[in-house]
Amino acid sequence: MLHAFLQARLEHQPAKYIWLMGESACRAVLEDRPYEASLGLAFNLDSLATLAVVLPSLADMLLQPALKARTWAAIRSHALR
């Protein structure tokens, strides 16, 4: 269901990246990827013609402020491509 929603949304309004914020979002879109090892990485979603960047959730960043720097670094590195 989520894949169909994203596909319809991206057809209407294409995006270069989607941010998967938190473990639940990562699991829902990238079923076979381990969340912790995927943080900060981008994965090509051929079926959606976009890249998915795995980021910590806002709640995780509030609980672990050190994740903020890591998150901004990941966003900057992908935005410059």
C-alpha atoms as a PDB file:
ATOM      1  CA  MET A   1       0.000   0.000   0.000  1.00  0.00           C
ATOM      2  CA  LEU A   2       2.809   2.412   0.866  1.00  0.00           C
ATOM      3  CA  HIS A   3       4.578   1.680  -2.418  1.00  0.00           C
ATOM      4  CA  ALA A   4       1.423   2.495  -4.382  1.00  0.00           C
ATOM      5  CA  PHE A   5       0.950   5.742  -2.450  1.00  0.00           C
ATOM      6  CA  LEU A   6       4.560   6.812  -3.033  1.00  0.00           C
ATOM      7  CA  GLN A   7       4.418   5.884  -6.705  1.00  0.00           C
ATOM      8  CA  ALA A   8       1.256   7.925  -7.276  1.00  0.00           C
ATOM      9  CA  ARG A   9       2.655  10.880  -5.341  1.00  0.00           C
ATOM     10  CA  LEU A  10       6.011  10.832  -7.159  1.00  0.00           C
ATOM     11  CA  GLU A  11       4.319  10.569 -10.565  1.00  0.00           C
ATOM     12  CA  HIS A  12       2.344  13.697  -9.737  1.00  0.00           C
ATOM     13  CA  GLN A  13       5.282  15.522  -8.151  1.00  0.00           C
ATOM     14  CA  PRO A  14       8.685  13.937  -8.915  1.00  0.00           C
ATOM     15  CA  ALA A  15      11.412  14.149  -6.281  1.00  0.00           C
ATOM     16  CA  LYS A  16      15.102  13.417  -6.469  1.00  0.00           C
ATOM     17  CA  TYR A  17      15.138  12.057  -2.892  1.00  0.00           C
ATOM     18  CA  ILE A  18      12.760  10.818  -0.253  1.00  0.00           C
ATOM     19  CA  TRP A  19      13.799  10.807   3.377  1.00  0.00           C
ATOM     20  CA  LEU A  20      13.041   7.659   5.322  1.00  0.00           C
ATOM     21  CA  MET A  21      13.075   8.994   8.865  1.00  0.00           C
ATOM     22  CA  GLY A  22      13.205   6.293  11.503  1.00  0.00           C
ATOM     23  CA  GLU A  23      13.304   2.543  11.630  1.00  0.00           C
ATOM     24  CA  SER A  24       9.627   2.074  10.744  1.00  0.00           C
ATOM     25  CA  ALA A  25       9.944   4.095   7.535  1.00  0.00           C
ATOM     26  CA  CYS A  26      13.135   2.258   6.587  1.00  0.00           C
ATOM     27  CA  ARG A  27      11.509  -1.120   7.179  1.00  0.00           C
ATOM     28  CA  ALA A  28       8.377  -0.163   5.237  1.00  0.00           C
ATOM     29  CA  VAL A  29      10.257   0.894   2.102  1.00  0.00           C
ATOM     30  CA  LEU A  30      13.557  -1.018   2.274  1.00  0.00           C
ATOM     31  CA  GLU A  31      12.340  -4.277   3.772  1.00  0.00           C
ATOM     32  CA  ASP A  32      15.613  -6.194   3.579  1.00  0.00           C
ATOM     33  CA  ARG A  33      18.000  -3.421   4.721  1.00  0.00           C
ATOM     34  CA  PRO A  34      19.160  -3.260   8.338  1.00  0.00           C
ATOM     35  CA  TYR A  35      18.233   0.161   9.744  1.00  0.00           C
ATOM     36  CA  GLU A  36      21.337   0.928  11.819  1.00  0.00           C
ATOM     37  CA  ALA A  37      23.720   0.012   8.990  1.00  0.00           C
ATOM     38  CA  SER A  38      21.667   2.057   6.502  1.00  0.00           C
ATOM     39  CA  LEU A  39      21.645   5.355   8.410  1.00  0.00           C
ATOM     40  CA  GLY A  40      22.955   8.172   6.233  1.00  0.00           C
ATOM     41  CA  LEU A  41      23.015   6.072   3.074  1.00  0.00           C
ATOM     42  CA  ALA A  42      20.961   6.505  -0.097  1.00  0.00           C
ATOM     43  CA  PHE A  43      19.359   3.601  -1.912  1.00  0.00           C
ATOM     44  CA  ASN A  44      18.155   3.676  -5.504  1.00  0.00           C
ATOM     45  CA  LEU A  45      14.465   2.897  -5.789  1.00  0.00           C
ATOM     46  CA  ASP A  46      14.198   2.026  -9.468  1.00  0.00           C
ATOM     47  CA  SER A  47      10.470   1.391  -9.308  1.00  0.00           C
ATOM     48  CA  LEU A  48       9.911   4.908  -7.941  1.00  0.00           C
ATOM     49  CA  ALA A  49      12.673   6.632  -9.952  1.00  0.00           C
ATOM     50  CA  THR A  50      14.127   8.251  -6.835  1.00  0.00           C
ATOM     51  CA  LEU A  51      16.699   7.764  -4.109  1.00  0.00           C
ATOM     52  CA  ALA A  52      15.708   6.932  -0.534  1.00  0.00           C
ATOM     53  CA  VAL A  53      17.944   8.419   2.158  1.00  0.00           C
ATOM     54  CA  VAL A  54      17.737   6.684   5.540  1.00  0.00           C
ATOM     55  CA  LEU A  55      17.771   9.146   8.447  1.00  0.00           C
ATOM     56  CA  PRO A  56      17.047   8.918  12.166  1.00  0.00           C
ATOM     57  CA  SER A  57      13.568   9.856  13.330  1.00  0.00           C
ATOM     58  CA  LEU A  58      12.937  13.230  14.940  1.00  0.00           C
ATOM     59  CA  ALA A  59      12.280  11.445  18.239  1.00  0.00           C
ATOM     60  CA  ASP A  60      15.644   9.667  18.020  1.00  0.00           C
ATOM     61  CA  MET A  61      17.398  12.981  17.354  1.00  0.00           C
ATOM     62  CA  LEU A  62      15.713  14.522  20.419  1.00  0.00           C
ATOM     63  CA  LEU A  63      16.838  11.620  22.586  1.00  0.00           C
ATOM     64  CA  GLN A  64      20.326  11.479  21.028  1.00  0.00           C
ATOM     65  CA  PRO A  65      21.372  15.004  19.959  1.00  0.00           C
ATOM     66  CA  ALA A  66      24.609  13.655  18.457  1.00  0.00           C
ATOM     67  CA  LEU A  67      22.489  12.201  15.633  1.00  0.00           C
ATOM     68  CA  LYS A  68      21.684  15.730  14.411  1.00  0.00           C
ATOM     69  CA  ALA A  69      25.188  16.326  13.061  1.00  0.00           C
ATOM     70  CA  ARG A  70      25.214  12.927  11.372  1.00  0.00           C
ATOM     71  CA  THR A  71      21.807  13.629   9.828  1.00  0.00           C
ATOM     72  CA  TRP A  72      22.778  17.054   8.449  1.00  0.00           C
ATOM     73  CA  ALA A  73      26.002  15.599   7.048  1.00  0.00           C
ATOM     74  CA  ALA A  74      24.013  12.921   5.209  1.00  0.00           C
ATOM     75  CA  ILE A  75      21.537  15.469   3.855  1.00  0.00           C
ATOM     76  CA  ARG A  76      24.328  17.794   2.676  1.00  0.00           C
ATOM     77  CA  SER A  77      26.305  15.001   1.028  1.00  0.00           C
ATOM     78  CA  HIS A  78      23.320  13.848  -0.998  1.00  0.00           C
ATOM     79  CA  ALA A  79      22.090  17.345  -1.833  1.00  0.00           C
ATOM     80  CA  LEU A  80      25.440  18.204  -3.443  1.00  0.00           C
ATOM     81  CA  ARG A  81      25.209  15.364  -5.956  1.00  0.00           C
END
